[in-house]
Amino acid sequence: MQYGRLFNIVLRHQFYYKEICRDFDLEPLENTLALLNKHRMRVISHPDQLIVVGEVDANGKPLYPIYPGTPLFFSLKLRNKDFLKVTDYKYLPKTGLLTFSNEDGKKILRTSTTPLLSRKSDIFTVRDGIEGESFLLSHRPWAGVQNSGFQITGLEGVSAPLSYDPSANMLLLDTRNQEGAQFSVEYPVTLPLGHEVFGLITLLKNESLPMNGGLPTEFTLTFQAIEQVWKYYVITENTEDVYEIKDKSNQVQFQVLELVKNNVSNVSEALVAQYPAGKVSLFQSTTRVPLHEMGLRGIQLLKNGNPVLANLPSIASQNEDFRIIDVTKISSDL
């Protein structure tokens, strides 16, 4: 028996070192796990990814492939609440469950617009054999279902219901001359999810998930870090010395802002009151800067072109968009 990797889902976040995201428990939903088991496939979980392996032939092709069109569902359960403090949501849905998929045929998972559906099947026996015989469904179909969304098997000449009554959850079928016949009805239902599910990944078997041998597919879901303007309040002696803040890597540019009446914050007012004999300058980044747990090294404070501090502290969270640098506490010979 030979096993091979068929595909894996990797979680990434721009905030973390090497973008390795360990903020979620990533696991298949119950119906997907049952489907994978049925096809002799197994799930291997890691802190930042999920791997699916299966029995394969010498060419790496699954011996028990999943049928085309069958979706696979994987839940994201939030493990680290600090994820909410460092993640930029502007590109995500404003309300409801976060959903991602490969519906565009790519390996980069993106926000999905596909309804979160699974399918249920009921078996019935014709009683009356009349036009308009009613049958009570065991589950409530998806609210957007049309008559064509009900798949009927086992009734001669009947492929769709006459109508569906959502208030009674009943189908009306034309069963004339088919008394005693057994048949099945398959229909879409909203995917059941627990309250602890933060997001959902849907994989569709398309060109990005062929599972036909060859190299396994790696899907990547990347979360963006919050971007914000960085501010440094620099307190110096009231002299003619020129102070600057520069990034050695030139990733971030800073400008000094004059603390005039329309550009004074509570912070600057408090600092001016605290250091009446000193000088308070505000240096601000010209663009928004992504947060990163490792910070940015090489942001320097210069005095008359010479480094005073080689590595200013970075901005670490969305609740803290400024730092206070008191140069008066630094030895005057620097």
C-alpha atoms as a PDB file:
ATOM      1  CA  MET A   1       0.000   0.000   0.000  1.00  0.00           C
ATOM      2  CA  GLN A   2       1.490   3.326  -1.100  1.00  0.00           C
ATOM      3  CA  TYR A   3       0.360   6.708   0.222  1.00  0.00           C
ATOM      4  CA  GLY A   4       1.089  10.052  -1.402  1.00  0.00           C
ATOM      5  CA  ARG A   5       0.330  13.683  -0.664  1.00  0.00           C
ATOM      6  CA  LEU A   6      -2.642  14.866  -2.730  1.00  0.00           C
ATOM      7  CA  PHE A   7      -2.958  18.469  -1.566  1.00  0.00           C
ATOM      8  CA  ASN A   8      -2.399  20.726   1.413  1.00  0.00           C
ATOM      9  CA  ILE A   9      -3.741  24.040   2.714  1.00  0.00           C
ATOM     10  CA  VAL A  10      -1.208  26.479   4.161  1.00  0.00           C
ATOM     11  CA  LEU A  11      -2.107  29.483   6.352  1.00  0.00           C
ATOM     12  CA  ARG A  12       0.024  32.618   6.108  1.00  0.00           C
ATOM     13  CA  HIS A  13      -0.096  36.048   7.779  1.00  0.00           C
ATOM     14  CA  GLN A  14       2.043  39.059   6.897  1.00  0.00           C
ATOM     15  CA  PHE A  15       2.402  40.013  10.570  1.00  0.00           C
ATOM     16  CA  TYR A  16       4.337  36.907  11.615  1.00  0.00           C
ATOM     17  CA  TYR A  17       7.949  35.883  11.146  1.00  0.00           C
ATOM     18  CA  LYS A  18       8.247  34.076   7.795  1.00  0.00           C
ATOM     19  CA  GLU A  19       4.459  34.655   7.575  1.00  0.00           C
ATOM     20  CA  ILE A  20       3.799  31.385   9.463  1.00  0.00           C
ATOM     21  CA  CYS A  21       0.256  31.629  10.863  1.00  0.00           C
ATOM     22  CA  ARG A  22      -0.617  29.392  13.822  1.00  0.00           C
ATOM     23  CA  ASP A  23      -3.761  31.268  14.822  1.00  0.00           C
ATOM     24  CA  PHE A  24      -6.301  28.641  13.725  1.00  0.00           C
ATOM     25  CA  ASP A  25      -7.300  25.026  14.092  1.00  0.00           C
ATOM     26  CA  LEU A  26      -7.818  23.981  10.468  1.00  0.00           C
ATOM     27  CA  GLU A  27      -9.886  20.820  10.110  1.00  0.00           C
ATOM     28  CA  PRO A  28     -12.368  19.185   7.712  1.00  0.00           C
ATOM     29  CA  LEU A  29     -16.075  19.409   8.412  1.00  0.00           C
ATOM     30  CA  GLU A  30     -17.732  16.167   9.463  1.00  0.00           C
ATOM     31  CA  ASN A  31     -19.213  15.399   6.024  1.00  0.00           C
ATOM     32  CA  THR A  32     -15.880  16.134   4.314  1.00  0.00           C
ATOM     33  CA  LEU A  33     -13.975  13.929   6.763  1.00  0.00           C
ATOM     34  CA  ALA A  34     -16.434  11.101   6.091  1.00  0.00           C
ATOM     35  CA  LEU A  35     -15.992  11.582   2.337  1.00  0.00           C
ATOM     36  CA  LEU A  36     -12.187  11.551   2.602  1.00  0.00           C
ATOM     37  CA  ASN A  37     -12.305   8.386   4.727  1.00  0.00           C
ATOM     38  CA  LYS A  38     -14.600   6.742   2.187  1.00  0.00           C
ATOM     39  CA  HIS A  39     -12.016   7.407  -0.524  1.00  0.00           C
ATOM     40  CA  ARG A  40      -9.157   6.075   1.639  1.00  0.00           C
ATOM     41  CA  MET A  41      -7.724   9.516   2.254  1.00  0.00           C
ATOM     42  CA  ARG A  42      -6.283  10.769   5.535  1.00  0.00           C
ATOM     43  CA  VAL A  43      -5.787  14.199   7.107  1.00  0.00           C
ATOM     44  CA  ILE A  44      -2.510  15.250   8.751  1.00  0.00           C
ATOM     45  CA  SER A  45      -2.678  18.456  10.795  1.00  0.00           C
ATOM     46  CA  HIS A  46       0.163  20.863  11.535  1.00  0.00           C
ATOM     47  CA  PRO A  47       0.031  24.216  13.401  1.00  0.00           C
ATOM     48  CA  ASP A  48       0.022  26.212  10.157  1.00  0.00           C
ATOM     49  CA  GLN A  49      -1.316  23.766   7.580  1.00  0.00           C
ATOM     50  CA  LEU A  50      -3.392  20.710   6.786  1.00  0.00           C
ATOM     51  CA  ILE A  51      -2.202  17.888   4.510  1.00  0.00           C
ATOM     52  CA  VAL A  52      -4.393  15.305   2.780  1.00  0.00           C
ATOM     53  CA  VAL A  53      -2.787  12.032   1.723  1.00  0.00           C
ATOM     54  CA  GLY A  54      -4.321   9.032  -0.008  1.00  0.00           C
ATOM     55  CA  GLU A  55      -3.604   5.654  -1.512  1.00  0.00           C
ATOM     56  CA  VAL A  56      -1.956   6.255  -4.890  1.00  0.00           C
ATOM     57  CA  ASP A  57      -0.595   4.260  -7.788  1.00  0.00           C
ATOM     58  CA  ALA A  58       2.973   4.387  -9.105  1.00  0.00           C
ATOM     59  CA  ASN A  59       2.186   7.688 -10.887  1.00  0.00           C
ATOM     60  CA  GLY A  60       0.834   9.352  -7.747  1.00  0.00           C
ATOM     61  CA  LYS A  61      -2.792   9.126  -8.915  1.00  0.00           C
ATOM     62  CA  PRO A  62      -5.403   8.379  -6.206  1.00  0.00           C
ATOM     63  CA  LEU A  63      -6.734   4.824  -6.310  1.00  0.00           C
ATOM     64  CA  TYR A  64     -10.100   6.064  -5.019  1.00  0.00           C
ATOM     65  CA  PRO A  65     -10.580   9.544  -6.538  1.00  0.00           C
ATOM     66  CA  ILE A  66     -13.270  11.986  -5.483  1.00  0.00           C
ATOM     67  CA  TYR A  67     -15.870  12.684  -8.139  1.00  0.00           C
ATOM     68  CA  PRO A  68     -15.667  16.009 -10.042  1.00  0.00           C
ATOM     69  CA  GLY A  69     -17.931  18.711  -8.647  1.00  0.00           C
ATOM     70  CA  THR A  70     -17.760  17.404  -5.086  1.00  0.00           C
ATOM     71  CA  PRO A  71     -16.809  20.278  -2.746  1.00  0.00           C
ATOM     72  CA  LEU A  72     -14.535  19.780   0.255  1.00  0.00           C
ATOM     73  CA  PHE A  73     -15.108  21.963   3.328  1.00  0.00           C
ATOM     74  CA  PHE A  74     -12.548  22.900   5.987  1.00  0.00           C
ATOM     75  CA  SER A  75     -13.286  25.045   9.035  1.00  0.00           C
ATOM     76  CA  LEU A  76     -11.097  27.720  10.592  1.00  0.00           C
ATOM     77  CA  LYS A  77     -11.478  27.847  14.366  1.00  0.00           C
ATOM     78  CA  LEU A  78      -9.727  30.806  15.970  1.00  0.00           C
ATOM     79  CA  ARG A  79      -7.073  29.753  18.472  1.00  0.00           C
ATOM     80  CA  ASN A  80      -5.317  33.083  19.062  1.00  0.00           C
ATOM     81  CA  LYS A  81      -7.551  36.085  19.842  1.00  0.00           C
ATOM     82  CA  ASP A  82      -4.641  38.467  19.113  1.00  0.00           C
ATOM     83  CA  PHE A  83      -5.251  37.656  15.440  1.00  0.00           C
ATOM     84  CA  LEU A  84      -8.037  40.245  15.588  1.00  0.00           C
ATOM     85  CA  LYS A  85      -5.590  42.966  16.685  1.00  0.00           C
ATOM     86  CA  VAL A  86      -3.122  42.625  13.820  1.00  0.00           C
ATOM     87  CA  THR A  87      -5.292  41.652  10.832  1.00  0.00           C
ATOM     88  CA  ASP A  88      -6.561  44.052   8.183  1.00  0.00           C
ATOM     89  CA  TYR A  89     -10.218  43.330   7.437  1.00  0.00           C
ATOM     90  CA  LYS A  90     -10.813  45.899   4.713  1.00  0.00           C
ATOM     91  CA  TYR A  91     -10.553  43.255   1.981  1.00  0.00           C
ATOM     92  CA  LEU A  92     -12.792  40.738   3.803  1.00  0.00           C
ATOM     93  CA  PRO A  93     -16.618  40.532   4.017  1.00  0.00           C
ATOM     94  CA  LYS A  94     -18.041  43.075   6.453  1.00  0.00           C
ATOM     95  CA  THR A  95     -20.569  40.687   7.982  1.00  0.00           C
ATOM     96  CA  GLY A  96     -21.135  36.970   8.275  1.00  0.00           C
ATOM     97  CA  LEU A  97     -18.787  34.049   8.040  1.00  0.00           C
ATOM     98  CA  LEU A  98     -15.413  34.506   6.334  1.00  0.00           C
ATOM     99  CA  THR A  99     -15.390  32.189   3.328  1.00  0.00           C
ATOM    100  CA  PHE A 100     -12.536  31.365   0.976  1.00  0.00           C
ATOM    101  CA  SER A 101     -12.263  29.030  -2.002  1.00  0.00           C
ATOM    102  CA  ASN A 102     -10.422  28.054  -5.167  1.00  0.00           C
ATOM    103  CA  GLU A 103     -13.508  28.708  -7.302  1.00  0.00           C
ATOM    104  CA  ASP A 104     -11.436  30.863  -9.676  1.00  0.00           C
ATOM    105  CA  GLY A 105      -9.205  27.862 -10.418  1.00  0.00           C
ATOM    106  CA  LYS A 106      -6.180  29.373  -8.655  1.00  0.00           C
ATOM    107  CA  LYS A 107      -4.015  28.044  -5.824  1.00  0.00           C
ATOM    108  CA  ILE A 108      -4.251  31.315  -3.897  1.00  0.00           C
ATOM    109  CA  LEU A 109      -7.452  31.062  -1.859  1.00  0.00           C
ATOM    110  CA  ARG A 110      -9.637  34.152  -2.145  1.00  0.00           C
ATOM    111  CA  THR A 111     -12.876  35.438  -0.659  1.00  0.00           C
ATOM    112  CA  SER A 112     -15.693  33.272  -1.971  1.00  0.00           C
ATOM    113  CA  THR A 113     -19.183  34.211  -3.161  1.00  0.00           C
ATOM    114  CA  THR A 114     -20.377  30.609  -3.484  1.00  0.00           C
ATOM    115  CA  PRO A 115     -23.252  29.708  -1.081  1.00  0.00           C
ATOM    116  CA  LEU A 116     -22.168  27.355   1.686  1.00  0.00           C
ATOM    117  CA  LEU A 117     -24.232  24.317   0.773  1.00  0.00           C
ATOM    118  CA  SER A 118     -24.257  20.579   1.242  1.00  0.00           C
ATOM    119  CA  ARG A 119     -26.824  18.069  -0.031  1.00  0.00           C
ATOM    120  CA  LYS A 120     -29.398  15.864   1.669  1.00  0.00           C
ATOM    121  CA  SER A 121     -31.377  12.932   0.290  1.00  0.00           C
ATOM    122  CA  ASP A 122     -34.796  11.550   1.298  1.00  0.00           C
ATOM    123  CA  ILE A 123     -36.435   8.284   0.199  1.00  0.00           C
ATOM    124  CA  PHE A 124     -40.219   8.144  -0.296  1.00  0.00           C
ATOM    125  CA  THR A 125     -42.905   5.687  -1.416  1.00  0.00           C
ATOM    126  CA  VAL A 126     -45.775   6.830  -3.632  1.00  0.00           C
ATOM    127  CA  ARG A 127     -49.101   6.420  -1.811  1.00  0.00           C
ATOM    128  CA  ASP A 128     -51.884   7.889  -3.916  1.00  0.00           C
ATOM    129  CA  GLY A 129     -50.457   8.084  -7.415  1.00  0.00           C
ATOM    130  CA  ILE A 130     -52.079  11.416  -8.236  1.00  0.00           C
ATOM    131  CA  GLU A 131     -51.094  14.739  -9.717  1.00  0.00           C
ATOM    132  CA  GLY A 132     -49.987  16.971  -6.847  1.00  0.00           C
ATOM    133  CA  GLU A 133     -49.150  14.339  -4.225  1.00  0.00           C
ATOM    134  CA  SER A 134     -47.296  15.936  -1.283  1.00  0.00           C
ATOM    135  CA  PHE A 135     -44.113  14.723   0.398  1.00  0.00           C
ATOM    136  CA  LEU A 136     -42.597  16.161   3.602  1.00  0.00           C
ATOM    137  CA  LEU A 137     -38.833  16.703   3.472  1.00  0.00           C
ATOM    138  CA  SER A 138     -36.684  15.700   6.453  1.00  0.00           C
ATOM    139  CA  HIS A 139     -34.480  18.803   6.200  1.00  0.00           C
ATOM    140  CA  ARG A 140     -35.154  22.388   5.190  1.00  0.00           C
ATOM    141  CA  PRO A 141     -33.689  23.159   1.752  1.00  0.00           C
ATOM    142  CA  TRP A 142     -31.473  26.130   1.065  1.00  0.00           C
ATOM    143  CA  ALA A 143     -33.591  29.309   0.865  1.00  0.00           C
ATOM    144  CA  GLY A 144     -32.458  30.004  -2.708  1.00  0.00           C
ATOM    145  CA  VAL A 145     -33.387  26.619  -4.145  1.00  0.00           C
ATOM    146  CA  GLN A 146     -35.432  26.460  -7.357  1.00  0.00           C
ATOM    147  CA  ASN A 147     -37.542  23.559  -8.597  1.00  0.00           C
ATOM    148  CA  SER A 148     -34.617  22.484 -10.769  1.00  0.00           C
ATOM    149  CA  GLY A 149     -32.482  22.196  -7.601  1.00  0.00           C
ATOM    150  CA  PHE A 150     -34.402  19.078  -6.499  1.00  0.00           C
ATOM    151  CA  GLN A 151     -33.003  15.930  -8.107  1.00  0.00           C
ATOM    152  CA  ILE A 152     -35.598  13.154  -8.293  1.00  0.00           C
ATOM    153  CA  THR A 153     -34.556   9.589  -9.052  1.00  0.00           C
ATOM    154  CA  GLY A 154     -36.855   6.550  -9.396  1.00  0.00           C
ATOM    155  CA  LEU A 155     -40.052   8.143 -10.720  1.00  0.00           C
ATOM    156  CA  GLU A 156     -40.696   7.540 -14.394  1.00  0.00           C
ATOM    157  CA  GLY A 157     -40.920  10.784 -16.345  1.00  0.00           C
ATOM    158  CA  VAL A 158     -40.453  12.994 -13.249  1.00  0.00           C
ATOM    159  CA  SER A 159     -37.228  14.941 -12.866  1.00  0.00           C
ATOM    160  CA  ALA A 160     -38.436  17.954 -10.862  1.00  0.00           C
ATOM    161  CA  PRO A 161     -41.322  18.774  -8.504  1.00  0.00           C
ATOM    162  CA  LEU A 162     -44.440  20.652  -9.545  1.00  0.00           C
ATOM    163  CA  SER A 163     -43.700  23.055  -6.690  1.00  0.00           C
ATOM    164  CA  TYR A 164     -42.096  23.432  -3.285  1.00  0.00           C
ATOM    165  CA  ASP A 165     -43.975  24.950  -0.327  1.00  0.00           C
ATOM    166  CA  PRO A 166     -41.357  26.421   2.084  1.00  0.00           C
ATOM    167  CA  SER A 167     -43.920  27.150   4.823  1.00  0.00           C
ATOM    168  CA  ALA A 168     -44.849  23.458   5.056  1.00  0.00           C
ATOM    169  CA  ASN A 169     -41.472  22.157   3.781  1.00  0.00           C
ATOM    170  CA  MET A 170     -43.330  19.969   1.270  1.00  0.00           C
ATOM    171  CA  LEU A 171     -42.844  18.987  -2.359  1.00  0.00           C
ATOM    172  CA  LEU A 172     -45.742  18.467  -4.748  1.00  0.00           C
ATOM    173  CA  LEU A 173     -45.079  15.763  -7.363  1.00  0.00           C
ATOM    174  CA  ASP A 174     -46.958  14.263 -10.267  1.00  0.00           C
ATOM    175  CA  THR A 175     -47.091  10.568  -9.254  1.00  0.00           C
ATOM    176  CA  ARG A 176     -49.958   9.444 -11.493  1.00  0.00           C
ATOM    177  CA  ASN A 177     -49.971   5.684 -12.219  1.00  0.00           C
ATOM    178  CA  GLN A 178     -46.895   5.056 -10.003  1.00  0.00           C
ATOM    179  CA  GLU A 179     -48.505   3.780  -6.783  1.00  0.00           C
ATOM    180  CA  GLY A 180     -46.017   1.942  -4.560  1.00  0.00           C
ATOM    181  CA  ALA A 181     -42.955   3.211  -6.395  1.00  0.00           C
ATOM    182  CA  GLN A 182     -39.933   4.088  -4.277  1.00  0.00           C
ATOM    183  CA  PHE A 183     -37.874   7.116  -5.236  1.00  0.00           C
ATOM    184  CA  SER A 184     -35.287   9.514  -3.810  1.00  0.00           C
ATOM    185  CA  VAL A 185     -35.125  13.306  -3.686  1.00  0.00           C
ATOM    186  CA  GLU A 186     -31.750  15.061  -3.327  1.00  0.00           C
ATOM    187  CA  TYR A 187     -31.636  18.784  -2.550  1.00  0.00           C
ATOM    188  CA  PRO A 188     -29.238  21.504  -1.313  1.00  0.00           C
ATOM    189  CA  VAL A 189     -29.233  22.606   2.332  1.00  0.00           C
ATOM    190  CA  THR A 190     -27.302  25.318   4.113  1.00  0.00           C
ATOM    191  CA  LEU A 191     -24.064  23.951   5.475  1.00  0.00           C
ATOM    192  CA  PRO A 192     -24.386  23.379   9.254  1.00  0.00           C
ATOM    193  CA  LEU A 193     -21.629  25.152  11.179  1.00  0.00           C
ATOM    194  CA  GLY A 194     -21.017  25.609  14.892  1.00  0.00           C
ATOM    195  CA  HIS A 195     -20.727  29.027  16.522  1.00  0.00           C
ATOM    196  CA  GLU A 196     -17.018  28.430  17.117  1.00  0.00           C
ATOM    197  CA  VAL A 197     -16.275  28.415  13.363  1.00  0.00           C
ATOM    198  CA  PHE A 198     -14.529  31.666  12.379  1.00  0.00           C
ATOM    199  CA  GLY A 199     -14.183  30.941   8.674  1.00  0.00           C
ATOM    200  CA  LEU A 200     -14.586  28.274   6.036  1.00  0.00           C
ATOM    201  CA  ILE A 201     -12.430  27.082   3.149  1.00  0.00           C
ATOM    202  CA  THR A 202     -14.137  25.389   0.202  1.00  0.00           C
ATOM    203  CA  LEU A 203     -12.073  23.402  -2.286  1.00  0.00           C
ATOM    204  CA  LEU A 204     -13.617  22.530  -5.634  1.00  0.00           C
ATOM    205  CA  LYS A 205     -12.176  19.888  -7.899  1.00  0.00           C
ATOM    206  CA  ASN A 206     -11.110  22.031 -10.844  1.00  0.00           C
ATOM    207  CA  GLU A 207      -7.895  22.802 -12.687  1.00  0.00           C
ATOM    208  CA  SER A 208      -6.252  23.853  -9.407  1.00  0.00           C
ATOM    209  CA  LEU A 209      -7.181  20.533  -7.717  1.00  0.00           C
ATOM    210  CA  PRO A 210      -6.939  17.862 -10.425  1.00  0.00           C
ATOM    211  CA  MET A 211      -5.769  14.973  -8.168  1.00  0.00           C
ATOM    212  CA  ASN A 212      -4.769  13.053 -11.286  1.00  0.00           C
ATOM    213  CA  GLY A 213      -1.200  12.264 -10.365  1.00  0.00           C
ATOM    214  CA  GLY A 214       1.863  14.416 -10.749  1.00  0.00           C
ATOM    215  CA  LEU A 215       2.812  17.076  -8.233  1.00  0.00           C
ATOM    216  CA  PRO A 216       0.446  17.599  -5.271  1.00  0.00           C
ATOM    217  CA  THR A 217      -1.368  20.919  -5.028  1.00  0.00           C
ATOM    218  CA  GLU A 218      -0.559  23.469  -2.323  1.00  0.00           C
ATOM    219  CA  PHE A 219      -3.259  26.030  -1.560  1.00  0.00           C
ATOM    220  CA  THR A 220      -2.311  29.188   0.322  1.00  0.00           C
ATOM    221  CA  LEU A 221      -4.548  31.477   2.366  1.00  0.00           C
ATOM    222  CA  THR A 222      -2.756  34.699   3.334  1.00  0.00           C
ATOM    223  CA  PHE A 223      -4.081  37.280   5.789  1.00  0.00           C
ATOM    224  CA  GLN A 224      -2.936  40.877   5.497  1.00  0.00           C
ATOM    225  CA  ALA A 225      -1.428  42.796   8.418  1.00  0.00           C
ATOM    226  CA  ILE A 226      -2.917  46.083   9.579  1.00  0.00           C
ATOM    227  CA  GLU A 227      -1.251  49.124   8.040  1.00  0.00           C
ATOM    228  CA  GLN A 228      -1.048  52.404   9.885  1.00  0.00           C
ATOM    229  CA  VAL A 229       0.835  55.680   9.949  1.00  0.00           C
ATOM    230  CA  TRP A 230       3.791  55.604  12.353  1.00  0.00           C
ATOM    231  CA  LYS A 231       4.464  58.593  14.596  1.00  0.00           C
ATOM    232  CA  TYR A 232       7.462  59.471  16.721  1.00  0.00           C
ATOM    233  CA  TYR A 233       7.314  62.345  19.207  1.00  0.00           C
ATOM    234  CA  VAL A 234      10.943  63.414  19.705  1.00  0.00           C
ATOM    235  CA  ILE A 235      11.845  65.538  22.734  1.00  0.00           C
ATOM    236  CA  THR A 236      15.111  67.483  22.430  1.00  0.00           C
ATOM    237  CA  GLU A 237      16.888  70.451  23.980  1.00  0.00           C
ATOM    238  CA  ASN A 238      15.661  73.726  22.546  1.00  0.00           C
ATOM    239  CA  THR A 239      18.692  74.244  20.296  1.00  0.00           C
ATOM    240  CA  GLU A 240      19.386  74.761  16.600  1.00  0.00           C
ATOM    241  CA  ASP A 241      20.406  71.116  16.113  1.00  0.00           C
ATOM    242  CA  VAL A 242      18.645  69.395  13.228  1.00  0.00           C
ATOM    243  CA  TYR A 243      17.026  66.035  13.948  1.00  0.00           C
ATOM    244  CA  GLU A 244      15.816  63.543  11.349  1.00  0.00           C
ATOM    245  CA  ILE A 245      14.346  60.041  11.309  1.00  0.00           C
ATOM    246  CA  LYS A 246      15.459  57.811   8.455  1.00  0.00           C
ATOM    247  CA  ASP A 247      14.987  54.175   7.563  1.00  0.00           C
ATOM    248  CA  LYS A 248      18.314  52.619   6.486  1.00  0.00           C
ATOM    249  CA  SER A 249      16.467  50.285   4.106  1.00  0.00           C
ATOM    250  CA  ASN A 250      14.438  53.180   2.626  1.00  0.00           C
ATOM    251  CA  GLN A 251      11.214  51.178   2.991  1.00  0.00           C
ATOM    252  CA  VAL A 252       9.634  53.941   5.062  1.00  0.00           C
ATOM    253  CA  GLN A 253      10.002  57.691   4.662  1.00  0.00           C
ATOM    254  CA  PHE A 254       9.388  60.147   7.522  1.00  0.00           C
ATOM    255  CA  GLN A 255       8.530  63.823   7.531  1.00  0.00           C
ATOM    256  CA  VAL A 256       8.568  66.264  10.418  1.00  0.00           C
ATOM    257  CA  LEU A 257       5.263  68.011  11.098  1.00  0.00           C
ATOM    258  CA  GLU A 258       5.068  71.397  12.731  1.00  0.00           C
ATOM    259  CA  LEU A 259       2.896  71.343  15.835  1.00  0.00           C
ATOM    260  CA  VAL A 260       0.638  74.192  14.842  1.00  0.00           C
ATOM    261  CA  LYS A 261      -2.844  74.719  16.244  1.00  0.00           C
ATOM    262  CA  ASN A 262      -4.629  72.441  13.742  1.00  0.00           C
ATOM    263  CA  ASN A 263      -2.043  69.682  14.117  1.00  0.00           C
ATOM    264  CA  VAL A 264      -1.842  69.294  17.899  1.00  0.00           C
ATOM    265  CA  SER A 265      -2.975  66.072  19.572  1.00  0.00           C
ATOM    266  CA  ASN A 266      -3.587  65.297  23.231  1.00  0.00           C
ATOM    267  CA  VAL A 267      -0.186  63.585  23.241  1.00  0.00           C
ATOM    268  CA  SER A 268       1.724  66.586  21.909  1.00  0.00           C
ATOM    269  CA  GLU A 269      -0.127  68.984  24.227  1.00  0.00           C
ATOM    270  CA  ALA A 270       0.804  66.833  27.223  1.00  0.00           C
ATOM    271  CA  LEU A 271       4.444  66.599  26.115  1.00  0.00           C
ATOM    272  CA  VAL A 272       4.733  70.337  25.546  1.00  0.00           C
ATOM    273  CA  ALA A 273       3.328  70.906  29.037  1.00  0.00           C
ATOM    274  CA  GLN A 274       5.690  68.305  30.523  1.00  0.00           C
ATOM    275  CA  TYR A 275       8.824  69.703  28.816  1.00  0.00           C
ATOM    276  CA  PRO A 276       8.336  73.496  28.781  1.00  0.00           C
ATOM    277  CA  ALA A 277      12.059  74.127  28.309  1.00  0.00           C
ATOM    278  CA  GLY A 278      12.484  71.525  25.599  1.00  0.00           C
ATOM    279  CA  LYS A 279      11.368  71.113  22.021  1.00  0.00           C
ATOM    280  CA  VAL A 280       8.747  68.576  20.878  1.00  0.00           C
ATOM    281  CA  SER A 281       8.835  67.447  17.230  1.00  0.00           C
ATOM    282  CA  LEU A 282       6.467  65.050  15.511  1.00  0.00           C
ATOM    283  CA  PHE A 283       7.938  62.742  12.850  1.00  0.00           C
ATOM    284  CA  GLN A 284       5.351  60.848  10.826  1.00  0.00           C
ATOM    285  CA  SER A 285       5.620  58.213   8.105  1.00  0.00           C
ATOM    286  CA  THR A 286       4.523  59.428   4.683  1.00  0.00           C
ATOM    287  CA  THR A 287       2.724  56.131   3.986  1.00  0.00           C
ATOM    288  CA  ARG A 288       0.928  53.479   6.009  1.00  0.00           C
ATOM    289  CA  VAL A 289       3.276  50.766   7.297  1.00  0.00           C
ATOM    290  CA  PRO A 290       2.270  47.097   7.853  1.00  0.00           C
ATOM    291  CA  LEU A 291       2.586  45.859  11.414  1.00  0.00           C
ATOM    292  CA  HIS A 292       5.095  43.051  11.969  1.00  0.00           C
ATOM    293  CA  GLU A 293       5.889  41.073  15.097  1.00  0.00           C
ATOM    294  CA  MET A 294       9.641  41.449  14.468  1.00  0.00           C
ATOM    295  CA  GLY A 295       9.339  45.193  13.908  1.00  0.00           C
ATOM    296  CA  LEU A 296      11.540  47.126  11.505  1.00  0.00           C
ATOM    297  CA  ARG A 297      15.240  47.407  12.248  1.00  0.00           C
ATOM    298  CA  GLY A 298      17.347  50.309  11.063  1.00  0.00           C
ATOM    299  CA  ILE A 299      14.954  53.192  11.728  1.00  0.00           C
ATOM    300  CA  GLN A 300      17.449  55.783  12.940  1.00  0.00           C
ATOM    301  CA  LEU A 301      17.273  59.063  14.773  1.00  0.00           C
ATOM    302  CA  LEU A 302      19.906  61.433  13.337  1.00  0.00           C
ATOM    303  CA  LYS A 303      21.296  64.608  14.881  1.00  0.00           C
ATOM    304  CA  ASN A 304      22.948  66.913  12.379  1.00  0.00           C
ATOM    305  CA  GLY A 305      23.294  63.893  10.052  1.00  0.00           C
ATOM    306  CA  ASN A 306      24.867  61.593  12.672  1.00  0.00           C
ATOM    307  CA  PRO A 307      23.089  58.637  14.297  1.00  0.00           C
ATOM    308  CA  VAL A 308      21.877  59.213  17.852  1.00  0.00           C
ATOM    309  CA  LEU A 309      19.779  56.049  18.060  1.00  0.00           C
ATOM    310  CA  ALA A 310      20.424  53.260  15.549  1.00  0.00           C
ATOM    311  CA  ASN A 311      17.164  51.326  16.054  1.00  0.00           C
ATOM    312  CA  LEU A 312      14.064  53.167  17.149  1.00  0.00           C
ATOM    313  CA  PRO A 313      11.314  50.993  18.659  1.00  0.00           C
ATOM    314  CA  SER A 314       8.704  49.806  16.170  1.00  0.00           C
ATOM    315  CA  ILE A 315       4.952  50.213  16.312  1.00  0.00           C
ATOM    316  CA  ALA A 316       3.629  46.857  17.518  1.00  0.00           C
ATOM    317  CA  SER A 317      -0.177  46.985  17.428  1.00  0.00           C
ATOM    318  CA  GLN A 318      -3.155  48.944  16.133  1.00  0.00           C
ATOM    319  CA  ASN A 319      -3.760  50.294  19.645  1.00  0.00           C
ATOM    320  CA  GLU A 320      -0.374  52.019  19.637  1.00  0.00           C
ATOM    321  CA  ASP A 321       0.424  54.243  16.652  1.00  0.00           C
ATOM    322  CA  PHE A 322       3.169  56.385  18.238  1.00  0.00           C
ATOM    323  CA  ARG A 323       6.371  56.250  20.273  1.00  0.00           C
ATOM    324  CA  ILE A 324       7.936  58.919  22.505  1.00  0.00           C
ATOM    325  CA  ILE A 325      11.699  59.401  22.173  1.00  0.00           C
ATOM    326  CA  ASP A 326      13.273  61.557  24.882  1.00  0.00           C
ATOM    327  CA  VAL A 327      16.663  62.632  23.571  1.00  0.00           C
ATOM    328  CA  THR A 328      17.299  64.763  26.666  1.00  0.00           C
ATOM    329  CA  LYS A 329      17.968  61.568  28.618  1.00  0.00           C
ATOM    330  CA  ILE A 330      20.713  60.531  26.200  1.00  0.00           C
ATOM    331  CA  SER A 331      24.272  61.537  27.059  1.00  0.00           C
ATOM    332  CA  SER A 332      25.193  64.852  25.442  1.00  0.00           C
ATOM    333  CA  ASP A 333      28.391  63.435  23.944  1.00  0.00           C
ATOM    334  CA  LEU A 334      26.461  61.236  21.490  1.00  0.00           C
END
